[in-house]
Amino acid sequence: MRKSLLIGVMVLASMILIGFFLVLINKTSSIENQISYIEGSYSINVDDFRALAGDADYVFSAEVTGIEGYIYKNPVMIETVTGAKRITTPYTDYSIRVIENIKGKLQTEDDIIIQKAGGISEDGKITVIFERDVLPEIGKTYIFYAYAQEDGSLLSAGPNSCLKLANEVNNGKKKVKAADSTYKKVLDGYNHQIETDRPRSKSKYEIDE
């Protein structure tokens, strides 16, 4: 195994994400299957569903319908044995269809775009992801904790920001199983949310009450 590579990274994400750094670990026999984990420190307890709900601008369930592309941010130059190398942080744009709004009101009739911190590296050789986070799969349903950015886009990043759910089909439409244990925890966290005092923006996908 080659030596792990540690680089400093500054990520323009939500207000809960601070002090990022990138560590390349878990090398496998196939270079395409290498995974790089982003470690971070947070201003809230990301294992507390009350804190997650209170800090996020939007909480909702949605089906992932596609991948729209990748964006590479926060370039830094590092020195390697072969010379200087440019490293960036990948973000993935997903198209999703909101099934149920829990906090906030996002449109449900059409697909919207949400950006996840993580994805395929710019050189195509590794997958980058936050520790204890997941990159959504097309056709699956998730709870998203999302943050509205200044330009109206939505960002989801960090541990427990994207939680996979079971779903069922009713009259041709997907809906979340009420018995899903994760769904119950999310709802309970929302009902007892711990709000944080931070600047907030509004999503361009928000609808009027």
C-alpha atoms as a PDB file:
ATOM      1  CA  MET A   1       0.000   0.000   0.000  1.00  0.00           C
ATOM      2  CA  ARG A   2       1.294   3.418  -0.835  1.00  0.00           C
ATOM      3  CA  LYS A   3       1.549   6.075   1.837  1.00  0.00           C
ATOM      4  CA  SER A   4      -1.591   7.907   2.781  1.00  0.00           C
ATOM      5  CA  LEU A   5      -1.758  11.457   1.489  1.00  0.00           C
ATOM      6  CA  LEU A   6      -2.818  14.265   3.802  1.00  0.00           C
ATOM      7  CA  ILE A   7      -3.833  17.573   2.316  1.00  0.00           C
ATOM      8  CA  GLY A   8      -5.466  20.648   3.745  1.00  0.00           C
ATOM      9  CA  VAL A   9      -8.846  21.421   2.227  1.00  0.00           C
ATOM     10  CA  MET A  10     -11.198  24.340   2.767  1.00  0.00           C
ATOM     11  CA  VAL A  11     -14.744  23.462   1.728  1.00  0.00           C
ATOM     12  CA  LEU A  12     -17.444  26.090   1.082  1.00  0.00           C
ATOM     13  CA  ALA A  13     -20.316  24.100   2.516  1.00  0.00           C
ATOM     14  CA  SER A  14     -22.900  24.531   5.232  1.00  0.00           C
ATOM     15  CA  MET A  15     -22.336  26.386   8.445  1.00  0.00           C
ATOM     16  CA  ILE A  16     -21.934  23.128  10.371  1.00  0.00           C
ATOM     17  CA  LEU A  17     -18.879  22.025   8.413  1.00  0.00           C
ATOM     18  CA  ILE A  18     -15.541  23.366   9.622  1.00  0.00           C
ATOM     19  CA  GLY A  19     -11.907  22.301   9.691  1.00  0.00           C
ATOM     20  CA  PHE A  20     -11.877  19.830   6.807  1.00  0.00           C
ATOM     21  CA  PHE A  21      -8.922  17.755   5.785  1.00  0.00           C
ATOM     22  CA  LEU A  22      -8.640  14.974   3.246  1.00  0.00           C
ATOM     23  CA  VAL A  23      -7.040  11.608   3.930  1.00  0.00           C
ATOM     24  CA  LEU A  24      -6.513   8.967   1.262  1.00  0.00           C
ATOM     25  CA  ILE A  25      -7.084   5.563   2.860  1.00  0.00           C
ATOM     26  CA  ASN A  26      -8.474   2.098   2.175  1.00  0.00           C
ATOM     27  CA  LYS A  27      -6.445   1.362  -0.952  1.00  0.00           C
ATOM     28  CA  THR A  28      -7.710  -1.720  -2.781  1.00  0.00           C
ATOM     29  CA  SER A  29      -6.241  -3.863  -5.540  1.00  0.00           C
ATOM     30  CA  SER A  30      -8.108  -1.840  -8.196  1.00  0.00           C
ATOM     31  CA  ILE A  31      -7.232   1.839  -8.495  1.00  0.00           C
ATOM     32  CA  GLU A  32     -10.815   2.603  -9.568  1.00  0.00           C
ATOM     33  CA  ASN A  33     -12.042   1.320  -6.196  1.00  0.00           C
ATOM     34  CA  GLN A  34      -9.861   3.497  -4.000  1.00  0.00           C
ATOM     35  CA  ILE A  35     -11.825   5.579  -1.524  1.00  0.00           C
ATOM     36  CA  SER A  36     -10.715   8.858  -0.004  1.00  0.00           C
ATOM     37  CA  TYR A  37     -12.496   9.909   3.188  1.00  0.00           C
ATOM     38  CA  ILE A  38     -12.988  13.528   4.220  1.00  0.00           C
ATOM     39  CA  GLU A  39     -12.726  13.981   7.961  1.00  0.00           C
ATOM     40  CA  GLY A  40     -14.301  17.010   9.559  1.00  0.00           C
ATOM     41  CA  SER A  41     -15.152  18.734  12.815  1.00  0.00           C
ATOM     42  CA  TYR A  42     -18.656  20.080  13.327  1.00  0.00           C
ATOM     43  CA  SER A  43     -20.387  22.793  15.311  1.00  0.00           C
ATOM     44  CA  ILE A  44     -23.311  20.462  16.121  1.00  0.00           C
ATOM     45  CA  ASN A  45     -23.659  16.862  17.259  1.00  0.00           C
ATOM     46  CA  VAL A  46     -24.190  15.128  13.909  1.00  0.00           C
ATOM     47  CA  ASP A  47     -25.391  11.996  15.718  1.00  0.00           C
ATOM     48  CA  ASP A  48     -28.290  13.878  17.312  1.00  0.00           C
ATOM     49  CA  PHE A  49     -31.359  13.986  15.058  1.00  0.00           C
ATOM     50  CA  ARG A  50     -32.631  17.013  16.997  1.00  0.00           C
ATOM     51  CA  ALA A  51     -29.470  18.958  16.208  1.00  0.00           C
ATOM     52  CA  LEU A  52     -29.469  17.857  12.570  1.00  0.00           C
ATOM     53  CA  ALA A  53     -33.056  19.022  12.083  1.00  0.00           C
ATOM     54  CA  GLY A  54     -32.539  22.317  13.891  1.00  0.00           C
ATOM     55  CA  ASP A  55     -29.428  23.282  11.963  1.00  0.00           C
ATOM     56  CA  ALA A  56     -30.601  22.261   8.475  1.00  0.00           C
ATOM     57  CA  ASP A  57     -32.738  24.563   6.348  1.00  0.00           C
ATOM     58  CA  TYR A  58     -34.666  21.660   4.819  1.00  0.00           C
ATOM     59  CA  VAL A  59     -35.372  18.080   5.833  1.00  0.00           C
ATOM     60  CA  PHE A  60     -37.175  15.843   3.363  1.00  0.00           C
ATOM     61  CA  SER A  61     -37.406  12.424   1.792  1.00  0.00           C
ATOM     62  CA  ALA A  62     -36.646  12.097  -1.902  1.00  0.00           C
ATOM     63  CA  GLU A  63     -35.972   9.554  -4.598  1.00  0.00           C
ATOM     64  CA  VAL A  64     -32.697   9.944  -6.479  1.00  0.00           C
ATOM     65  CA  THR A  65     -33.450  10.070 -10.199  1.00  0.00           C
ATOM     66  CA  GLY A  66     -30.048  10.741 -11.724  1.00  0.00           C
ATOM     67  CA  ILE A  67     -26.559  12.252 -11.616  1.00  0.00           C
ATOM     68  CA  GLU A  68     -26.251  15.560 -13.413  1.00  0.00           C
ATOM     69  CA  GLY A  69     -22.488  15.946 -13.166  1.00  0.00           C
ATOM     70  CA  TYR A  70     -19.505  16.787 -11.011  1.00  0.00           C
ATOM     71  CA  ILE A  71     -18.030  20.073  -9.837  1.00  0.00           C
ATOM     72  CA  TYR A  72     -14.477  20.459  -8.509  1.00  0.00           C
ATOM     73  CA  LYS A  73     -13.783  23.084  -5.880  1.00  0.00           C
ATOM     74  CA  ASN A  74     -11.081  24.270  -3.488  1.00  0.00           C
ATOM     75  CA  PRO A  75      -7.956  23.579  -5.569  1.00  0.00           C
ATOM     76  CA  VAL A  76      -4.687  23.222  -3.689  1.00  0.00           C
ATOM     77  CA  MET A  77      -1.197  22.346  -4.896  1.00  0.00           C
ATOM     78  CA  ILE A  78       0.746  19.611  -3.132  1.00  0.00           C
ATOM     79  CA  GLU A  79       4.219  18.233  -3.604  1.00  0.00           C
ATOM     80  CA  THR A  80       4.552  14.556  -4.533  1.00  0.00           C
ATOM     81  CA  VAL A  81       7.519  12.376  -5.480  1.00  0.00           C
ATOM     82  CA  THR A  82       6.798  13.167  -9.122  1.00  0.00           C
ATOM     83  CA  GLY A  83       6.356  16.905  -8.621  1.00  0.00           C
ATOM     84  CA  ALA A  84       3.584  19.344  -7.859  1.00  0.00           C
ATOM     85  CA  LYS A  85       0.008  18.081  -8.138  1.00  0.00           C
ATOM     86  CA  ARG A  86      -3.330  19.930  -8.128  1.00  0.00           C
ATOM     87  CA  ILE A  87      -5.916  18.480  -5.751  1.00  0.00           C
ATOM     88  CA  THR A  88      -9.585  19.486  -5.714  1.00  0.00           C
ATOM     89  CA  THR A  89     -12.662  18.478  -3.741  1.00  0.00           C
ATOM     90  CA  PRO A  90     -15.390  16.852  -5.859  1.00  0.00           C
ATOM     91  CA  TYR A  91     -19.085  17.631  -5.479  1.00  0.00           C
ATOM     92  CA  THR A  92     -21.840  15.660  -7.190  1.00  0.00           C
ATOM     93  CA  ASP A  93     -25.048  17.177  -8.526  1.00  0.00           C
ATOM     94  CA  TYR A  94     -27.987  14.776  -8.160  1.00  0.00           C
ATOM     95  CA  SER A  95     -31.467  15.133  -9.593  1.00  0.00           C
ATOM     96  CA  ILE A  96     -34.042  14.096  -7.013  1.00  0.00           C
ATOM     97  CA  ARG A  97     -37.816  14.012  -6.681  1.00  0.00           C
ATOM     98  CA  VAL A  98     -39.025  15.149  -3.268  1.00  0.00           C
ATOM     99  CA  ILE A  99     -41.537  12.699  -1.783  1.00  0.00           C
ATOM    100  CA  GLU A 100     -42.295  14.362   1.544  1.00  0.00           C
ATOM    101  CA  ASN A 101     -41.284  17.683   3.065  1.00  0.00           C
ATOM    102  CA  ILE A 102     -40.558  17.427   6.784  1.00  0.00           C
ATOM    103  CA  LYS A 103     -38.943  20.817   7.357  1.00  0.00           C
ATOM    104  CA  GLY A 104     -39.435  23.523   4.764  1.00  0.00           C
ATOM    105  CA  LYS A 105     -41.465  23.323   1.583  1.00  0.00           C
ATOM    106  CA  LEU A 106     -39.696  22.250  -1.586  1.00  0.00           C
ATOM    107  CA  GLN A 107     -41.453  21.518  -4.867  1.00  0.00           C
ATOM    108  CA  THR A 108     -42.569  17.915  -5.343  1.00  0.00           C
ATOM    109  CA  GLU A 109     -43.996  17.928  -8.883  1.00  0.00           C
ATOM    110  CA  ASP A 110     -40.673  18.192 -10.720  1.00  0.00           C
ATOM    111  CA  ASP A 111     -37.127  17.034 -10.140  1.00  0.00           C
ATOM    112  CA  ILE A 112     -34.774  19.398  -8.336  1.00  0.00           C
ATOM    113  CA  ILE A 113     -30.991  19.417  -7.958  1.00  0.00           C
ATOM    114  CA  ILE A 114     -29.126  18.784  -4.738  1.00  0.00           C
ATOM    115  CA  GLN A 115     -25.362  18.845  -4.409  1.00  0.00           C
ATOM    116  CA  LYS A 116     -23.491  16.364  -2.258  1.00  0.00           C
ATOM    117  CA  ALA A 117     -19.944  16.942  -1.044  1.00  0.00           C
ATOM    118  CA  GLY A 118     -18.093  13.970  -2.509  1.00  0.00           C
ATOM    119  CA  GLY A 119     -17.913  12.034  -5.740  1.00  0.00           C
ATOM    120  CA  ILE A 120     -15.409  10.956  -8.358  1.00  0.00           C
ATOM    121  CA  SER A 121     -12.057  12.730  -8.177  1.00  0.00           C
ATOM    122  CA  GLU A 122     -11.035  15.050 -10.987  1.00  0.00           C
ATOM    123  CA  ASP A 123      -8.555  12.488 -12.325  1.00  0.00           C
ATOM    124  CA  GLY A 124     -11.217   9.776 -12.179  1.00  0.00           C
ATOM    125  CA  LYS A 125      -9.120   7.468 -10.016  1.00  0.00           C
ATOM    126  CA  ILE A 126     -10.784   7.622  -6.585  1.00  0.00           C
ATOM    127  CA  THR A 127     -14.129   8.185  -4.913  1.00  0.00           C
ATOM    128  CA  VAL A 128     -14.147  10.949  -2.298  1.00  0.00           C
ATOM    129  CA  ILE A 129     -16.682  10.905   0.525  1.00  0.00           C
ATOM    130  CA  PHE A 130     -17.147  12.202   4.038  1.00  0.00           C
ATOM    131  CA  GLU A 131     -16.522   9.668   6.763  1.00  0.00           C
ATOM    132  CA  ARG A 132     -19.827   8.042   7.753  1.00  0.00           C
ATOM    133  CA  ASP A 133     -21.635   9.702   4.861  1.00  0.00           C
ATOM    134  CA  VAL A 134     -23.001   7.986   1.757  1.00  0.00           C
ATOM    135  CA  LEU A 135     -23.261   8.945  -1.885  1.00  0.00           C
ATOM    136  CA  PRO A 136     -26.867   8.334  -2.998  1.00  0.00           C
ATOM    137  CA  GLU A 137     -27.800   5.575  -5.438  1.00  0.00           C
ATOM    138  CA  ILE A 138     -30.112   6.220  -8.359  1.00  0.00           C
ATOM    139  CA  GLY A 139     -33.578   4.778  -7.760  1.00  0.00           C
ATOM    140  CA  LYS A 140     -33.204   4.715  -3.965  1.00  0.00           C
ATOM    141  CA  THR A 141     -34.992   6.879  -1.406  1.00  0.00           C
ATOM    142  CA  TYR A 142     -33.228   8.954   1.238  1.00  0.00           C
ATOM    143  CA  ILE A 143     -33.809  11.490   3.960  1.00  0.00           C
ATOM    144  CA  PHE A 144     -31.763  14.594   3.135  1.00  0.00           C
ATOM    145  CA  TYR A 145     -30.661  17.290   5.557  1.00  0.00           C
ATOM    146  CA  ALA A 146     -30.021  20.184   3.198  1.00  0.00           C
ATOM    147  CA  TYR A 147     -28.641  23.715   3.404  1.00  0.00           C
ATOM    148  CA  ALA A 148     -29.709  26.537   1.121  1.00  0.00           C
ATOM    149  CA  GLN A 149     -26.719  28.338  -0.385  1.00  0.00           C
ATOM    150  CA  GLU A 150     -26.593  32.036  -1.244  1.00  0.00           C
ATOM    151  CA  ASP A 151     -27.343  31.282  -4.902  1.00  0.00           C
ATOM    152  CA  GLY A 152     -30.453  29.275  -3.945  1.00  0.00           C
ATOM    153  CA  SER A 153     -28.906  25.866  -4.568  1.00  0.00           C
ATOM    154  CA  LEU A 154     -29.098  23.012  -2.048  1.00  0.00           C
ATOM    155  CA  LEU A 155     -26.132  21.333  -0.379  1.00  0.00           C
ATOM    156  CA  SER A 156     -26.029  18.150   1.707  1.00  0.00           C
ATOM    157  CA  ALA A 157     -22.771  17.088   3.322  1.00  0.00           C
ATOM    158  CA  GLY A 158     -21.319  15.222   6.263  1.00  0.00           C
ATOM    159  CA  PRO A 159     -22.282  12.324   8.540  1.00  0.00           C
ATOM    160  CA  ASN A 160     -26.017  11.507   8.622  1.00  0.00           C
ATOM    161  CA  SER A 161     -26.829  14.163   6.026  1.00  0.00           C
ATOM    162  CA  CYS A 162     -28.190  11.510   3.677  1.00  0.00           C
ATOM    163  CA  LEU A 163     -30.002   8.516   5.211  1.00  0.00           C
ATOM    164  CA  LYS A 164     -31.256   5.612   3.124  1.00  0.00           C
ATOM    165  CA  LEU A 165     -34.888   4.595   3.616  1.00  0.00           C
ATOM    166  CA  ALA A 166     -37.140   1.720   2.704  1.00  0.00           C
ATOM    167  CA  ASN A 167     -40.044   2.702   0.482  1.00  0.00           C
ATOM    168  CA  GLU A 168     -43.186   1.253  -0.964  1.00  0.00           C
ATOM    169  CA  VAL A 169     -45.255   1.928  -4.060  1.00  0.00           C
ATOM    170  CA  ASN A 170     -48.829   3.134  -3.668  1.00  0.00           C
ATOM    171  CA  ASN A 171     -50.937   3.689  -6.812  1.00  0.00           C
ATOM    172  CA  GLY A 172     -47.785   3.906  -8.892  1.00  0.00           C
ATOM    173  CA  LYS A 173     -46.137   6.484  -6.634  1.00  0.00           C
ATOM    174  CA  LYS A 174     -43.403   5.909  -4.109  1.00  0.00           C
ATOM    175  CA  LYS A 175     -43.927   6.845  -0.491  1.00  0.00           C
ATOM    176  CA  VAL A 176     -41.872   6.371   2.621  1.00  0.00           C
ATOM    177  CA  LYS A 177     -42.735   3.447   4.841  1.00  0.00           C
ATOM    178  CA  ALA A 178     -44.048   4.889   8.088  1.00  0.00           C
ATOM    179  CA  ALA A 179     -42.612   1.891   9.923  1.00  0.00           C
ATOM    180  CA  ASP A 180     -39.053   2.654   8.820  1.00  0.00           C
ATOM    181  CA  SER A 181     -36.997   3.103  12.006  1.00  0.00           C
ATOM    182  CA  THR A 182     -34.779   5.809  10.492  1.00  0.00           C
ATOM    183  CA  TYR A 183     -37.823   7.736   9.322  1.00  0.00           C
ATOM    184  CA  LYS A 184     -39.265   7.620  12.836  1.00  0.00           C
ATOM    185  CA  LYS A 185     -36.031   8.952  14.322  1.00  0.00           C
ATOM    186  CA  VAL A 186     -35.934  11.771  11.782  1.00  0.00           C
ATOM    187  CA  LEU A 187     -39.522  12.780  12.559  1.00  0.00           C
ATOM    188  CA  ASP A 188     -38.886  12.677  16.303  1.00  0.00           C
ATOM    189  CA  GLY A 189     -35.759  14.781  15.843  1.00  0.00           C
ATOM    190  CA  TYR A 190     -37.710  17.341  13.833  1.00  0.00           C
ATOM    191  CA  ASN A 191     -40.458  17.504  16.452  1.00  0.00           C
ATOM    192  CA  HIS A 192     -37.834  18.231  19.134  1.00  0.00           C
ATOM    193  CA  GLN A 193     -35.306  20.100  17.027  1.00  0.00           C
ATOM    194  CA  ILE A 194     -32.527  22.191  18.513  1.00  0.00           C
ATOM    195  CA  GLU A 195     -32.364  25.327  16.397  1.00  0.00           C
ATOM    196  CA  THR A 196     -29.065  27.068  15.767  1.00  0.00           C
ATOM    197  CA  ASP A 197     -28.453  30.777  15.329  1.00  0.00           C
ATOM    198  CA  ARG A 198     -26.732  31.153  11.971  1.00  0.00           C
ATOM    199  CA  PRO A 199     -27.250  33.082   8.714  1.00  0.00           C
ATOM    200  CA  ARG A 200     -29.778  31.316   6.487  1.00  0.00           C
ATOM    201  CA  SER A 201     -30.691  31.442   2.833  1.00  0.00           C
ATOM    202  CA  LYS A 202     -33.738  30.338   0.866  1.00  0.00           C
ATOM    203  CA  SER A 203     -33.745  27.614  -1.779  1.00  0.00           C
ATOM    204  CA  LYS A 204     -34.815  28.492  -5.308  1.00  0.00           C
ATOM    205  CA  TYR A 205     -36.922  25.322  -5.158  1.00  0.00           C
ATOM    206  CA  GLU A 206     -38.962  26.489  -2.186  1.00  0.00           C
ATOM    207  CA  ILE A 207     -42.694  26.906  -2.701  1.00  0.00           C
ATOM    208  CA  ASP A 208     -45.077  29.234  -0.940  1.00  0.00           C
ATOM    209  CA  GLU A 209     -46.998  27.857   2.015  1.00  0.00           C
END
